[in-house]
């Protein structure tokens, strides 16, 4: 293939394009002058031209051999490429058949997995629903946790309040007991006070009676026209007993512990 695109230097078909004067032998008919020296030069030139043509022919032969060799190599390359192309076509056909078979198998698998796809869609929707439910439950758990924390705090406060209530209940029980005791004691005091008031009333009545008798006796002792006013008999100094229990500065009975507060409390 090294001789491709080569042109012969002087091919036989291109003799018309050769430069230089035409040889004497090719000048056509006509009288030929006899010039020995010129003839020898012409012959010598023709010989050189012949030798050049022969050399060109040898060169063309060599180039022809090279071209034939390149043509054979090209034919071999073309044959090899044909074999490669045939193999590639066979491989391509095999791959095409394999792809067709795989496509058919995949289509069959897809038709077989169509129920599974529907099941997957259903499971995906179920998963989304469960995820939403999980988020809702998480929020509820968070709220319940906060409520539990708050209730624990309130329970602690309730425990303290319960302790206070128990303490107050005990105090109330003690107060009720004390109240019952005081009530019972007050009832006894009331009964005693009522008895003392009755005794006091009887004593006052006796004192008034004694006072009336004393006045009557004094009037009889001084006569019916006695000296002085009624006040001298009612509260005069001569009728008061110094330090007596009945001397209260009013002509009445001095009550002692009964003054201003009623009967004494025991």
C-alpha atoms as a PDB file:
ATOM      1  CA  UNK A   1       0.000   0.000   0.000  1.00  0.00           C
ATOM      2  CA  UNK A   2       3.066   2.232   0.029  1.00  0.00           C
ATOM      3  CA  UNK A   3       2.674   2.747  -3.741  1.00  0.00           C
ATOM      4  CA  UNK A   4      -0.871   4.121  -3.561  1.00  0.00           C
ATOM      5  CA  UNK A   5      -1.562   7.519  -5.106  1.00  0.00           C
ATOM      6  CA  UNK A   6       1.735   7.387  -7.016  1.00  0.00           C
ATOM      7  CA  UNK A   7       2.015   8.451 -10.603  1.00  0.00           C
ATOM      8  CA  UNK A   8       4.647   7.005 -12.981  1.00  0.00           C
ATOM      9  CA  UNK A   9       7.302   9.458 -13.934  1.00  0.00           C
ATOM     10  CA  UNK A  10       6.854   9.063 -17.707  1.00  0.00           C
ATOM     11  CA  UNK A  11       4.097   6.618 -18.556  1.00  0.00           C
ATOM     12  CA  UNK A  12       3.778   5.392 -22.116  1.00  0.00           C
ATOM     13  CA  UNK A  13       0.410   7.113 -22.489  1.00  0.00           C
ATOM     14  CA  UNK A  14       1.967  10.486 -21.733  1.00  0.00           C
ATOM     15  CA  UNK A  15       4.569  10.590 -24.522  1.00  0.00           C
ATOM     16  CA  UNK A  16       2.828  13.552 -26.067  1.00  0.00           C
ATOM     17  CA  UNK A  17       3.637  15.657 -23.024  1.00  0.00           C
ATOM     18  CA  UNK A  18       7.410  15.072 -23.095  1.00  0.00           C
ATOM     19  CA  UNK A  19       9.497  18.180 -23.568  1.00  0.00           C
ATOM     20  CA  UNK A  20      12.443  18.636 -25.900  1.00  0.00           C
ATOM     21  CA  UNK A  21      12.911  18.607 -29.646  1.00  0.00           C
ATOM     22  CA  UNK A  22      11.561  15.755 -31.687  1.00  0.00           C
ATOM     23  CA  UNK A  23      14.175  13.248 -32.750  1.00  0.00           C
ATOM     24  CA  UNK A  24      15.309  13.053 -36.328  1.00  0.00           C
ATOM     25  CA  UNK A  25      13.762   9.633 -36.720  1.00  0.00           C
ATOM     26  CA  UNK A  26      10.359  10.961 -35.690  1.00  0.00           C
ATOM     27  CA  UNK A  27      10.346  14.084 -37.795  1.00  0.00           C
ATOM     28  CA  UNK A  28       8.300  12.569 -40.504  1.00  0.00           C
ATOM     29  CA  UNK A  29       8.968  12.390 -44.233  1.00  0.00           C
ATOM     30  CA  UNK A  30      11.174  14.858 -45.837  1.00  0.00           C
ATOM     31  CA  UNK A  31      14.663  15.164 -47.038  1.00  0.00           C
ATOM     32  CA  UNK A  32      17.211  14.332 -44.436  1.00  0.00           C
ATOM     33  CA  UNK A  33      20.338  16.325 -44.619  1.00  0.00           C
ATOM     34  CA  UNK A  34      23.414  14.442 -43.940  1.00  0.00           C
ATOM     35  CA  UNK A  35      25.199  15.866 -40.921  1.00  0.00           C
ATOM     36  CA  UNK A  36      27.310  13.127 -39.286  1.00  0.00           C
ATOM     37  CA  UNK A  37      28.089  15.106 -36.205  1.00  0.00           C
ATOM     38  CA  UNK A  38      24.498  16.117 -35.713  1.00  0.00           C
ATOM     39  CA  UNK A  39      23.376  12.582 -36.423  1.00  0.00           C
ATOM     40  CA  UNK A  40      25.678  11.196 -33.783  1.00  0.00           C
ATOM     41  CA  UNK A  41      24.443  13.731 -31.315  1.00  0.00           C
ATOM     42  CA  UNK A  42      20.873  12.834 -32.205  1.00  0.00           C
ATOM     43  CA  UNK A  43      21.616   9.147 -31.773  1.00  0.00           C
ATOM     44  CA  UNK A  44      23.320   9.798 -28.474  1.00  0.00           C
ATOM     45  CA  UNK A  45      20.362  11.855 -27.322  1.00  0.00           C
ATOM     46  CA  UNK A  46      18.002   9.119 -28.463  1.00  0.00           C
ATOM     47  CA  UNK A  47      20.033   6.507 -26.583  1.00  0.00           C
ATOM     48  CA  UNK A  48      19.935   8.543 -23.436  1.00  0.00           C
ATOM     49  CA  UNK A  49      16.207   8.960 -23.941  1.00  0.00           C
ATOM     50  CA  UNK A  50      15.813   5.226 -24.439  1.00  0.00           C
ATOM     51  CA  UNK A  51      17.816   4.485 -21.348  1.00  0.00           C
ATOM     52  CA  UNK A  52      15.725   6.957 -19.442  1.00  0.00           C
ATOM     53  CA  UNK A  53      12.563   5.302 -20.742  1.00  0.00           C
ATOM     54  CA  UNK A  54      13.918   1.894 -19.781  1.00  0.00           C
ATOM     55  CA  UNK A  55      14.732   3.185 -16.312  1.00  0.00           C
ATOM     56  CA  UNK A  56      11.267   4.637 -16.083  1.00  0.00           C
ATOM     57  CA  UNK A  57       9.808   1.335 -17.208  1.00  0.00           C
ATOM     58  CA  UNK A  58      11.785  -0.474 -14.518  1.00  0.00           C
ATOM     59  CA  UNK A  59      10.581   2.059 -12.039  1.00  0.00           C
ATOM     60  CA  UNK A  60       7.017   1.597 -13.245  1.00  0.00           C
ATOM     61  CA  UNK A  61       7.406  -2.161 -12.967  1.00  0.00           C
ATOM     62  CA  UNK A  62       8.629  -1.774  -9.425  1.00  0.00           C
ATOM     63  CA  UNK A  63       5.765   0.524  -8.635  1.00  0.00           C
ATOM     64  CA  UNK A  64       3.364  -1.906 -10.305  1.00  0.00           C
ATOM     65  CA  UNK A  65       4.712  -4.699  -8.139  1.00  0.00           C
ATOM     66  CA  UNK A  66       4.336  -2.513  -5.089  1.00  0.00           C
ATOM     67  CA  UNK A  67       0.826  -1.562  -6.162  1.00  0.00           C
ATOM     68  CA  UNK A  68      -0.094  -5.198  -6.749  1.00  0.00           C
ATOM     69  CA  UNK A  69       1.325  -6.005  -3.367  1.00  0.00           C
ATOM     70  CA  UNK A  70      -0.691  -3.176  -1.838  1.00  0.00           C
ATOM     71  CA  UNK A  71      -3.784  -4.344  -3.713  1.00  0.00           C
ATOM     72  CA  UNK A  72      -3.322  -7.867  -2.349  1.00  0.00           C
ATOM     73  CA  UNK A  73      -2.835  -6.461   1.134  1.00  0.00           C
ATOM     74  CA  UNK A  74      -5.922  -4.315   0.666  1.00  0.00           C
ATOM     75  CA  UNK A  75      -7.885  -7.341  -0.556  1.00  0.00           C
ATOM     76  CA  UNK A  76      -6.664  -9.299   2.452  1.00  0.00           C
ATOM     77  CA  UNK A  77      -7.642  -6.381   4.691  1.00  0.00           C
ATOM     78  CA  UNK A  78     -11.026  -6.168   2.996  1.00  0.00           C
ATOM     79  CA  UNK A  79     -11.493  -9.916   3.420  1.00  0.00           C
ATOM     80  CA  UNK A  80     -10.498  -9.652   7.052  1.00  0.00           C
ATOM     81  CA  UNK A  81     -12.830  -6.695   7.512  1.00  0.00           C
ATOM     82  CA  UNK A  82     -15.584  -8.683   5.798  1.00  0.00           C
ATOM     83  CA  UNK A  83     -14.976 -11.482   8.266  1.00  0.00           C
ATOM     84  CA  UNK A  84     -14.990  -8.984  11.123  1.00  0.00           C
ATOM     85  CA  UNK A  85     -18.163  -7.400   9.768  1.00  0.00           C
ATOM     86  CA  UNK A  86     -19.780 -10.809   9.435  1.00  0.00           C
ATOM     87  CA  UNK A  87     -18.740 -11.640  12.985  1.00  0.00           C
ATOM     88  CA  UNK A  88     -19.980  -8.249  14.202  1.00  0.00           C
ATOM     89  CA  UNK A  89     -23.249  -8.781  12.369  1.00  0.00           C
ATOM     90  CA  UNK A  90     -23.555 -12.237  13.891  1.00  0.00           C
ATOM     91  CA  UNK A  91     -22.750 -10.815  17.328  1.00  0.00           C
ATOM     92  CA  UNK A  92     -25.200  -7.979  16.754  1.00  0.00           C
ATOM     93  CA  UNK A  93     -27.883 -10.422  15.649  1.00  0.00           C
ATOM     94  CA  UNK A  94     -27.158 -12.562  18.703  1.00  0.00           C
ATOM     95  CA  UNK A  95     -27.287  -9.506  20.957  1.00  0.00           C
ATOM     96  CA  UNK A  96     -30.479  -8.368  19.254  1.00  0.00           C
ATOM     97  CA  UNK A  97     -32.049 -11.774  19.761  1.00  0.00           C
ATOM     98  CA  UNK A  98     -30.827 -11.786  23.355  1.00  0.00           C
ATOM     99  CA  UNK A  99     -32.241  -8.292  23.916  1.00  0.00           C
ATOM    100  CA  UNK A 100     -35.541  -9.301  22.321  1.00  0.00           C
ATOM    101  CA  UNK A 101     -35.687 -12.408  24.505  1.00  0.00           C
ATOM    102  CA  UNK A 102     -34.822 -10.356  27.585  1.00  0.00           C
ATOM    103  CA  UNK A 103     -37.424  -7.747  26.665  1.00  0.00           C
ATOM    104  CA  UNK A 104     -40.040 -10.446  26.215  1.00  0.00           C
ATOM    105  CA  UNK A 105     -38.995 -12.011  29.507  1.00  0.00           C
ATOM    106  CA  UNK A 106     -39.125  -8.620  31.245  1.00  0.00           C
ATOM    107  CA  UNK A 107     -42.545  -7.928  29.772  1.00  0.00           C
ATOM    108  CA  UNK A 108     -43.707 -11.310  31.025  1.00  0.00           C
ATOM    109  CA  UNK A 109     -42.173 -10.552  34.433  1.00  0.00           C
ATOM    110  CA  UNK A 110     -43.867  -7.153  34.449  1.00  0.00           C
ATOM    111  CA  UNK A 111     -47.209  -8.724  33.610  1.00  0.00           C
ATOM    112  CA  UNK A 112     -46.590 -11.264  36.353  1.00  0.00           C
ATOM    113  CA  UNK A 113     -45.605  -8.539  38.835  1.00  0.00           C
ATOM    114  CA  UNK A 114     -48.581  -6.296  38.038  1.00  0.00           C
ATOM    115  CA  UNK A 115     -50.494  -7.583  41.102  1.00  0.00           C
ATOM    116  CA  UNK A 116     -47.342  -7.029  43.153  1.00  0.00           C
ATOM    117  CA  UNK A 117     -47.145  -3.450  41.873  1.00  0.00           C
ATOM    118  CA  UNK A 118     -50.715  -2.844  42.956  1.00  0.00           C
ATOM    119  CA  UNK A 119     -49.893  -4.425  46.307  1.00  0.00           C
ATOM    120  CA  UNK A 120     -46.817  -2.199  46.587  1.00  0.00           C
ATOM    121  CA  UNK A 121     -48.949   0.876  45.858  1.00  0.00           C
ATOM    122  CA  UNK A 122     -51.436  -0.227  48.500  1.00  0.00           C
ATOM    123  CA  UNK A 123     -48.650  -0.936  51.005  1.00  0.00           C
ATOM    124  CA  UNK A 124     -47.064   2.434  50.254  1.00  0.00           C
ATOM    125  CA  UNK A 125     -50.365   4.189  50.947  1.00  0.00           C
ATOM    126  CA  UNK A 126     -50.721   2.116  54.116  1.00  0.00           C
ATOM    127  CA  UNK A 127     -47.170   3.053  55.134  1.00  0.00           C
ATOM    128  CA  UNK A 128     -47.961   6.737  54.609  1.00  0.00           C
ATOM    129  CA  UNK A 129     -51.118   6.377  56.690  1.00  0.00           C
ATOM    130  CA  UNK A 130     -49.205   4.581  59.437  1.00  0.00           C
ATOM    131  CA  UNK A 131     -46.497   7.240  59.325  1.00  0.00           C
ATOM    132  CA  UNK A 132     -49.116   9.962  59.773  1.00  0.00           C
ATOM    133  CA  UNK A 133     -50.660   7.916  62.601  1.00  0.00           C
ATOM    134  CA  UNK A 134     -47.209   7.520  64.178  1.00  0.00           C
ATOM    135  CA  UNK A 135     -46.657  11.265  64.053  1.00  0.00           C
ATOM    136  CA  UNK A 136     -50.090  11.826  65.600  1.00  0.00           C
ATOM    137  CA  UNK A 137     -49.384   9.280  68.335  1.00  0.00           C
ATOM    138  CA  UNK A 138     -45.984  10.857  68.927  1.00  0.00           C
ATOM    139  CA  UNK A 139     -47.647  14.237  69.418  1.00  0.00           C
ATOM    140  CA  UNK A 140     -50.221  12.657  71.758  1.00  0.00           C
ATOM    141  CA  UNK A 141     -47.455  10.897  73.702  1.00  0.00           C
ATOM    142  CA  UNK A 142     -45.626  14.215  74.027  1.00  0.00           C
ATOM    143  CA  UNK A 143     -48.794  15.866  75.338  1.00  0.00           C
ATOM    144  CA  UNK A 144     -49.421  12.941  77.710  1.00  0.00           C
ATOM    145  CA  UNK A 145     -45.824  13.115  78.931  1.00  0.00           C
ATOM    146  CA  UNK A 146     -46.273  16.799  79.687  1.00  0.00           C
ATOM    147  CA  UNK A 147     -49.566  15.997  81.447  1.00  0.00           C
ATOM    148  CA  UNK A 148     -47.865  13.231  83.446  1.00  0.00           C
ATOM    149  CA  UNK A 149     -45.084  15.615  84.471  1.00  0.00           C
ATOM    150  CA  UNK A 150     -47.659  18.224  85.464  1.00  0.00           C
ATOM    151  CA  UNK A 151     -49.728  15.628  87.361  1.00  0.00           C
ATOM    152  CA  UNK A 152     -46.629  14.394  89.177  1.00  0.00           C
ATOM    153  CA  UNK A 153     -45.901  17.943  90.253  1.00  0.00           C
ATOM    154  CA  UNK A 154     -49.528  18.344  91.304  1.00  0.00           C
ATOM    155  CA  UNK A 155     -49.374  14.989  93.138  1.00  0.00           C
ATOM    156  CA  UNK A 156     -46.392  16.269  95.091  1.00  0.00           C
ATOM    157  CA  UNK A 157     -48.380  19.364  95.962  1.00  0.00           C
ATOM    158  CA  UNK A 158     -51.393  17.180  96.787  1.00  0.00           C
ATOM    159  CA  UNK A 159     -49.217  15.052  99.056  1.00  0.00           C
ATOM    160  CA  UNK A 160     -48.191  18.195 100.913  1.00  0.00           C
ATOM    161  CA  UNK A 161     -51.825  19.337 100.982  1.00  0.00           C
ATOM    162  CA  UNK A 162     -52.921  15.889 102.162  1.00  0.00           C
ATOM    163  CA  UNK A 163     -50.386  16.085 104.965  1.00  0.00           C
ATOM    164  CA  UNK A 164     -51.698  19.553 105.841  1.00  0.00           C
ATOM    165  CA  UNK A 165     -55.280  18.252 105.704  1.00  0.00           C
ATOM    166  CA  UNK A 166     -54.386  15.319 107.959  1.00  0.00           C
ATOM    167  CA  UNK A 167     -52.664  17.684 110.366  1.00  0.00           C
ATOM    168  CA  UNK A 168     -55.617  20.057 110.285  1.00  0.00           C
ATOM    169  CA  UNK A 169     -57.988  17.112 110.718  1.00  0.00           C
ATOM    170  CA  UNK A 170     -56.069  16.031 113.793  1.00  0.00           C
ATOM    171  CA  UNK A 171     -56.116  19.597 115.068  1.00  0.00           C
ATOM    172  CA  UNK A 172     -59.848  19.765 114.322  1.00  0.00           C
ATOM    173  CA  UNK A 173     -60.397  16.509 116.204  1.00  0.00           C
ATOM    174  CA  UNK A 174     -58.428  17.855 119.136  1.00  0.00           C
ATOM    175  CA  UNK A 175     -60.356  21.131 118.917  1.00  0.00           C
ATOM    176  CA  UNK A 176     -63.642  19.207 118.854  1.00  0.00           C
ATOM    177  CA  UNK A 177     -62.569  17.252 121.879  1.00  0.00           C
ATOM    178  CA  UNK A 178     -61.542  20.453 123.638  1.00  0.00           C
ATOM    179  CA  UNK A 179     -64.811  22.079 122.537  1.00  0.00           C
ATOM    180  CA  UNK A 180     -66.832  19.161 123.839  1.00  0.00           C
ATOM    181  CA  UNK A 181     -64.887  19.310 127.064  1.00  0.00           C
ATOM    182  CA  UNK A 182     -65.362  23.085 127.310  1.00  0.00           C
ATOM    183  CA  UNK A 183     -69.018  22.723 126.368  1.00  0.00           C
ATOM    184  CA  UNK A 184     -69.514  20.142 129.070  1.00  0.00           C
ATOM    185  CA  UNK A 185     -67.603  22.297 131.523  1.00  0.00           C
ATOM    186  CA  UNK A 186     -69.650  25.346 130.478  1.00  0.00           C
ATOM    187  CA  UNK A 187     -72.862  23.398 130.954  1.00  0.00           C
ATOM    188  CA  UNK A 188     -71.723  22.558 134.460  1.00  0.00           C
ATOM    189  CA  UNK A 189     -70.801  26.213 134.986  1.00  0.00           C
ATOM    190  CA  UNK A 190     -74.194  27.321 133.651  1.00  0.00           C
ATOM    191  CA  UNK A 191     -75.954  24.946 136.016  1.00  0.00           C
ATOM    192  CA  UNK A 192     -73.775  26.170 138.870  1.00  0.00           C
ATOM    193  CA  UNK A 193     -74.342  29.795 137.812  1.00  0.00           C
ATOM    194  CA  UNK A 194     -78.086  29.255 137.704  1.00  0.00           C
ATOM    195  CA  UNK A 195     -77.914  27.678 141.145  1.00  0.00           C
ATOM    196  CA  UNK A 196     -75.775  30.557 142.422  1.00  0.00           C
ATOM    197  CA  UNK A 197     -78.164  33.085 140.886  1.00  0.00           C
ATOM    198  CA  UNK A 198     -81.076  31.376 142.625  1.00  0.00           C
ATOM    199  CA  UNK A 199     -79.135  31.438 145.877  1.00  0.00           C
ATOM    200  CA  UNK A 200     -78.254  35.068 145.247  1.00  0.00           C
ATOM    201  CA  UNK A 201     -81.875  35.942 144.558  1.00  0.00           C
ATOM    202  CA  UNK A 202     -82.933  34.249 147.767  1.00  0.00           C
ATOM    203  CA  UNK A 203     -80.160  36.054 149.640  1.00  0.00           C
ATOM    204  CA  UNK A 204     -81.218  39.402 148.141  1.00  0.00           C
ATOM    205  CA  UNK A 205     -84.784  38.661 149.095  1.00  0.00           C
ATOM    206  CA  UNK A 206     -83.694  37.819 152.647  1.00  0.00           C
ATOM    207  CA  UNK A 207     -81.563  40.949 152.782  1.00  0.00           C
ATOM    208  CA  UNK A 208     -84.445  43.116 151.604  1.00  0.00           C
ATOM    209  CA  UNK A 209     -86.667  41.451 154.123  1.00  0.00           C
ATOM    210  CA  UNK A 210     -84.113  42.039 156.870  1.00  0.00           C
ATOM    211  CA  UNK A 211     -83.696  45.646 155.755  1.00  0.00           C
ATOM    212  CA  UNK A 212     -87.429  46.182 155.837  1.00  0.00           C
ATOM    213  CA  UNK A 213     -87.617  44.686 159.304  1.00  0.00           C
ATOM    214  CA  UNK A 214     -84.713  46.865 160.418  1.00  0.00           C
ATOM    215  CA  UNK A 215     -86.407  49.981 159.074  1.00  0.00           C
ATOM    216  CA  UNK A 216     -89.588  49.013 160.819  1.00  0.00           C
ATOM    217  CA  UNK A 217     -87.742  48.471 164.064  1.00  0.00           C
ATOM    218  CA  UNK A 218     -85.935  51.812 163.713  1.00  0.00           C
ATOM    219  CA  UNK A 219     -89.182  53.624 163.120  1.00  0.00           C
ATOM    220  CA  UNK A 220     -90.752  52.068 166.148  1.00  0.00           C
ATOM    221  CA  UNK A 221     -87.695  52.902 168.207  1.00  0.00           C
ATOM    222  CA  UNK A 222     -87.754  56.620 167.296  1.00  0.00           C
ATOM    223  CA  UNK A 223     -91.428  57.053 167.222  1.00  0.00           C
ATOM    224  CA  UNK A 224     -93.781  57.823 164.453  1.00  0.00           C
ATOM    225  CA  UNK A 225     -92.465  61.456 164.062  1.00  0.00           C
ATOM    226  CA  UNK A 226     -88.784  60.578 163.954  1.00  0.00           C
ATOM    227  CA  UNK A 227     -86.020  63.051 163.278  1.00  0.00           C
ATOM    228  CA  UNK A 228     -84.360  63.354 159.832  1.00  0.00           C
ATOM    229  CA  UNK A 229     -85.342  62.512 156.350  1.00  0.00           C
ATOM    230  CA  UNK A 230     -85.938  59.204 154.725  1.00  0.00           C
ATOM    231  CA  UNK A 231     -82.407  59.129 153.522  1.00  0.00           C
ATOM    232  CA  UNK A 232     -81.049  59.041 157.052  1.00  0.00           C
ATOM    233  CA  UNK A 233     -82.912  55.854 157.577  1.00  0.00           C
ATOM    234  CA  UNK A 234     -82.125  54.437 154.188  1.00  0.00           C
ATOM    235  CA  UNK A 235     -78.441  55.049 153.923  1.00  0.00           C
ATOM    236  CA  UNK A 236     -77.279  57.163 156.826  1.00  0.00           C
ATOM    237  CA  UNK A 237     -74.003  56.627 158.618  1.00  0.00           C
ATOM    238  CA  UNK A 238     -75.700  55.361 161.704  1.00  0.00           C
ATOM    239  CA  UNK A 239     -77.224  52.504 159.741  1.00  0.00           C
ATOM    240  CA  UNK A 240     -74.027  51.401 157.986  1.00  0.00           C
ATOM    241  CA  UNK A 241     -71.888  48.724 159.463  1.00  0.00           C
ATOM    242  CA  UNK A 242     -68.258  49.577 159.084  1.00  0.00           C
ATOM    243  CA  UNK A 243     -66.612  46.852 157.092  1.00  0.00           C
ATOM    244  CA  UNK A 244     -69.821  44.875 157.000  1.00  0.00           C
ATOM    245  CA  UNK A 245     -70.636  42.668 154.091  1.00  0.00           C
ATOM    246  CA  UNK A 246     -73.842  44.646 153.506  1.00  0.00           C
ATOM    247  CA  UNK A 247     -72.175  48.093 153.343  1.00  0.00           C
ATOM    248  CA  UNK A 248     -71.767  49.065 149.670  1.00  0.00           C
ATOM    249  CA  UNK A 249     -72.178  52.821 149.897  1.00  0.00           C
ATOM    250  CA  UNK A 250     -75.735  52.657 148.547  1.00  0.00           C
ATOM    251  CA  UNK A 251     -77.492  51.317 151.592  1.00  0.00           C
ATOM    252  CA  UNK A 252     -77.648  47.934 149.993  1.00  0.00           C
ATOM    253  CA  UNK A 253     -75.726  44.725 150.156  1.00  0.00           C
ATOM    254  CA  UNK A 254     -72.110  44.621 149.102  1.00  0.00           C
ATOM    255  CA  UNK A 255     -71.823  41.668 146.764  1.00  0.00           C
ATOM    256  CA  UNK A 256     -68.152  41.025 147.117  1.00  0.00           C
ATOM    257  CA  UNK A 257     -67.085  38.654 144.332  1.00  0.00           C
ATOM    258  CA  UNK A 258     -70.490  39.071 142.632  1.00  0.00           C
ATOM    259  CA  UNK A 259     -69.926  42.759 141.781  1.00  0.00           C
ATOM    260  CA  UNK A 260     -70.185  43.691 138.068  1.00  0.00           C
ATOM    261  CA  UNK A 261     -69.620  40.142 136.882  1.00  0.00           C
ATOM    262  CA  UNK A 262     -72.377  38.113 138.462  1.00  0.00           C
ATOM    263  CA  UNK A 263     -71.660  34.981 140.416  1.00  0.00           C
ATOM    264  CA  UNK A 264     -68.113  33.733 140.713  1.00  0.00           C
ATOM    265  CA  UNK A 265     -66.781  31.073 138.335  1.00  0.00           C
ATOM    266  CA  UNK A 266     -65.229  27.941 139.811  1.00  0.00           C
END
